[in-house]
Amino acid sequence: MGKPALDLPMLKKLFRNLFSSFAGLQYFEGAFGYQCCDQGRVLGAIGQDMESQMFLSLRKEGMYPILDKIDGYTEEDLFDVIEFVYDHMSIPSRG
């Protein structure tokens, strides 16, 4: 019995899971910002308009929010978003 194919739907599923895991570990808060119970929305390094920043980087519209838009991504879109996310993630400081 052969190994299952790693097709685009499966790759999207795997990316969604990995992206969600890293988000849960706060790897995107430095760039994307976060919601604080005391301060409200705390902006990250990218600023308040993530969709515009993704457009400037990728030259593509409709890529954000990632988890809401991923089902419509082409293979090229997905790899562009993976690169964008990689460029904007960081290990959070534990203080």
C-alpha atoms as a PDB file:
ATOM      1  CA  MET A   1       0.000   0.000   0.000  1.00  0.00           C
ATOM      2  CA  GLY A   2       1.449   3.375  -1.061  1.00  0.00           C
ATOM      3  CA  LYS A   3       1.776   6.508   0.957  1.00  0.00           C
ATOM      4  CA  PRO A   4      -1.100   9.003   0.716  1.00  0.00           C
ATOM      5  CA  ALA A   5      -0.549  11.892  -1.669  1.00  0.00           C
ATOM      6  CA  LEU A   6       0.395  15.296  -0.360  1.00  0.00           C
ATOM      7  CA  ASP A   7      -2.024  17.213  -2.543  1.00  0.00           C
ATOM      8  CA  LEU A   8      -3.082  20.849  -2.163  1.00  0.00           C
ATOM      9  CA  PRO A   9      -6.098  20.186   0.107  1.00  0.00           C
ATOM     10  CA  MET A  10      -3.915  18.105   2.450  1.00  0.00           C
ATOM     11  CA  LEU A  11      -1.155  20.720   2.408  1.00  0.00           C
ATOM     12  CA  LYS A  12      -3.718  23.399   3.345  1.00  0.00           C
ATOM     13  CA  LYS A  13      -4.982  21.214   6.185  1.00  0.00           C
ATOM     14  CA  LEU A  14      -1.450  20.667   7.491  1.00  0.00           C
ATOM     15  CA  PHE A  15      -0.591  24.366   7.202  1.00  0.00           C
ATOM     16  CA  ARG A  16      -3.835  25.378   8.964  1.00  0.00           C
ATOM     17  CA  ASN A  17      -2.954  23.068  11.850  1.00  0.00           C
ATOM     18  CA  LEU A  18       0.647  24.267  12.092  1.00  0.00           C
ATOM     19  CA  PHE A  19      -0.325  27.948  11.775  1.00  0.00           C
ATOM     20  CA  SER A  20      -2.921  27.537  14.539  1.00  0.00           C
ATOM     21  CA  SER A  21      -0.385  25.793  16.763  1.00  0.00           C
ATOM     22  CA  PHE A  22       2.184  28.576  16.348  1.00  0.00           C
ATOM     23  CA  ALA A  23      -0.501  31.215  16.904  1.00  0.00           C
ATOM     24  CA  GLY A  24      -1.466  29.454  20.141  1.00  0.00           C
ATOM     25  CA  LEU A  25       2.172  29.628  21.204  1.00  0.00           C
ATOM     26  CA  GLN A  26       2.151  33.400  20.486  1.00  0.00           C
ATOM     27  CA  TYR A  27       4.727  33.235  17.676  1.00  0.00           C
ATOM     28  CA  PHE A  28       2.898  35.898  15.655  1.00  0.00           C
ATOM     29  CA  GLU A  29       2.069  38.448  18.352  1.00  0.00           C
ATOM     30  CA  GLY A  30       5.208  40.530  17.754  1.00  0.00           C
ATOM     31  CA  ALA A  31       4.271  41.109  14.119  1.00  0.00           C
ATOM     32  CA  PHE A  32       0.492  40.640  14.001  1.00  0.00           C
ATOM     33  CA  GLY A  33      -0.442  41.986  17.440  1.00  0.00           C
ATOM     34  CA  TYR A  34      -2.901  40.490  19.890  1.00  0.00           C
ATOM     35  CA  GLN A  35      -6.053  41.090  21.893  1.00  0.00           C
ATOM     36  CA  CYS A  36      -5.402  42.095  25.520  1.00  0.00           C
ATOM     37  CA  CYS A  37      -8.120  41.990  28.181  1.00  0.00           C
ATOM     38  CA  ASP A  38      -6.779  45.208  29.778  1.00  0.00           C
ATOM     39  CA  GLN A  39      -5.568  47.231  26.797  1.00  0.00           C
ATOM     40  CA  GLY A  40      -7.825  45.981  24.007  1.00  0.00           C
ATOM     41  CA  ARG A  41      -6.131  45.487  20.654  1.00  0.00           C
ATOM     42  CA  VAL A  42      -2.327  45.724  20.886  1.00  0.00           C
ATOM     43  CA  LEU A  43      -0.766  46.341  17.496  1.00  0.00           C
ATOM     44  CA  GLY A  44       2.204  44.354  16.284  1.00  0.00           C
ATOM     45  CA  ALA A  45       5.104  45.548  14.138  1.00  0.00           C
ATOM     46  CA  ILE A  46       3.003  45.213  10.978  1.00  0.00           C
ATOM     47  CA  GLY A  47       0.438  47.711  12.246  1.00  0.00           C
ATOM     48  CA  GLN A  48      -3.323  47.656  12.192  1.00  0.00           C
ATOM     49  CA  ASP A  49      -3.976  46.846   8.533  1.00  0.00           C
ATOM     50  CA  MET A  50      -2.715  43.300   8.017  1.00  0.00           C
ATOM     51  CA  GLU A  51      -4.529  42.891   4.711  1.00  0.00           C
ATOM     52  CA  SER A  52      -2.731  45.901   3.208  1.00  0.00           C
ATOM     53  CA  GLN A  53       0.627  44.707   4.510  1.00  0.00           C
ATOM     54  CA  MET A  54       0.089  41.284   2.994  1.00  0.00           C
ATOM     55  CA  PHE A  55      -0.881  42.943  -0.282  1.00  0.00           C
ATOM     56  CA  LEU A  56       2.283  45.057  -0.240  1.00  0.00           C
ATOM     57  CA  SER A  57       4.414  41.971   0.392  1.00  0.00           C
ATOM     58  CA  LEU A  58       2.628  39.485  -1.854  1.00  0.00           C
ATOM     59  CA  ARG A  59       0.986  41.755  -4.437  1.00  0.00           C
ATOM     60  CA  LYS A  60      -2.192  39.717  -4.003  1.00  0.00           C
ATOM     61  CA  GLU A  61      -5.576  40.687  -2.592  1.00  0.00           C
ATOM     62  CA  GLY A  62      -7.792  38.545  -0.402  1.00  0.00           C
ATOM     63  CA  MET A  63      -5.076  36.668   1.480  1.00  0.00           C
ATOM     64  CA  TYR A  64      -6.094  37.841   4.985  1.00  0.00           C
ATOM     65  CA  PRO A  65      -7.353  36.662   7.404  1.00  0.00           C
ATOM     66  CA  ILE A  66      -5.347  33.572   6.645  1.00  0.00           C
ATOM     67  CA  LEU A  67      -7.537  30.926   8.279  1.00  0.00           C
ATOM     68  CA  ASP A  68     -10.683  32.402   6.707  1.00  0.00           C
ATOM     69  CA  LYS A  69      -9.187  32.670   3.206  1.00  0.00           C
ATOM     70  CA  ILE A  70      -6.992  29.571   2.969  1.00  0.00           C
ATOM     71  CA  ASP A  71      -9.604  27.426   1.233  1.00  0.00           C
ATOM     72  CA  GLY A  72      -9.491  29.791  -1.760  1.00  0.00           C
ATOM     73  CA  TYR A  73      -5.693  29.814  -2.042  1.00  0.00           C
ATOM     74  CA  THR A  74      -4.005  28.410  -5.106  1.00  0.00           C
ATOM     75  CA  GLU A  75      -0.789  26.448  -4.632  1.00  0.00           C
ATOM     76  CA  GLU A  76       1.213  29.585  -5.419  1.00  0.00           C
ATOM     77  CA  ASP A  77      -0.863  31.601  -2.922  1.00  0.00           C
ATOM     78  CA  LEU A  78      -0.281  29.056  -0.183  1.00  0.00           C
ATOM     79  CA  PHE A  79       3.483  29.045  -0.644  1.00  0.00           C
ATOM     80  CA  ASP A  80       3.522  32.861  -0.737  1.00  0.00           C
ATOM     81  CA  VAL A  81       1.584  32.985   2.534  1.00  0.00           C
ATOM     82  CA  ILE A  82       3.863  30.366   4.102  1.00  0.00           C
ATOM     83  CA  GLU A  83       6.841  32.574   3.235  1.00  0.00           C
ATOM     84  CA  PHE A  84       5.087  35.680   4.594  1.00  0.00           C
ATOM     85  CA  VAL A  85       4.229  33.927   7.857  1.00  0.00           C
ATOM     86  CA  TYR A  86       7.762  32.562   8.191  1.00  0.00           C
ATOM     87  CA  ASP A  87       9.205  36.047   7.719  1.00  0.00           C
ATOM     88  CA  HIS A  88       6.968  37.467  10.459  1.00  0.00           C
ATOM     89  CA  MET A  89       7.106  34.868  13.209  1.00  0.00           C
ATOM     90  CA  SER A  90       9.270  35.004  16.303  1.00  0.00           C
ATOM     91  CA  ILE A  91       9.650  33.072  19.511  1.00  0.00           C
ATOM     92  CA  PRO A  92       7.890  35.063  22.236  1.00  0.00           C
ATOM     93  CA  SER A  93       9.894  36.218  25.216  1.00  0.00           C
ATOM     94  CA  ARG A  94       8.954  34.533  28.449  1.00  0.00           C
ATOM     95  CA  GLY A  95       9.339  36.981  31.238  1.00  0.00           C
END
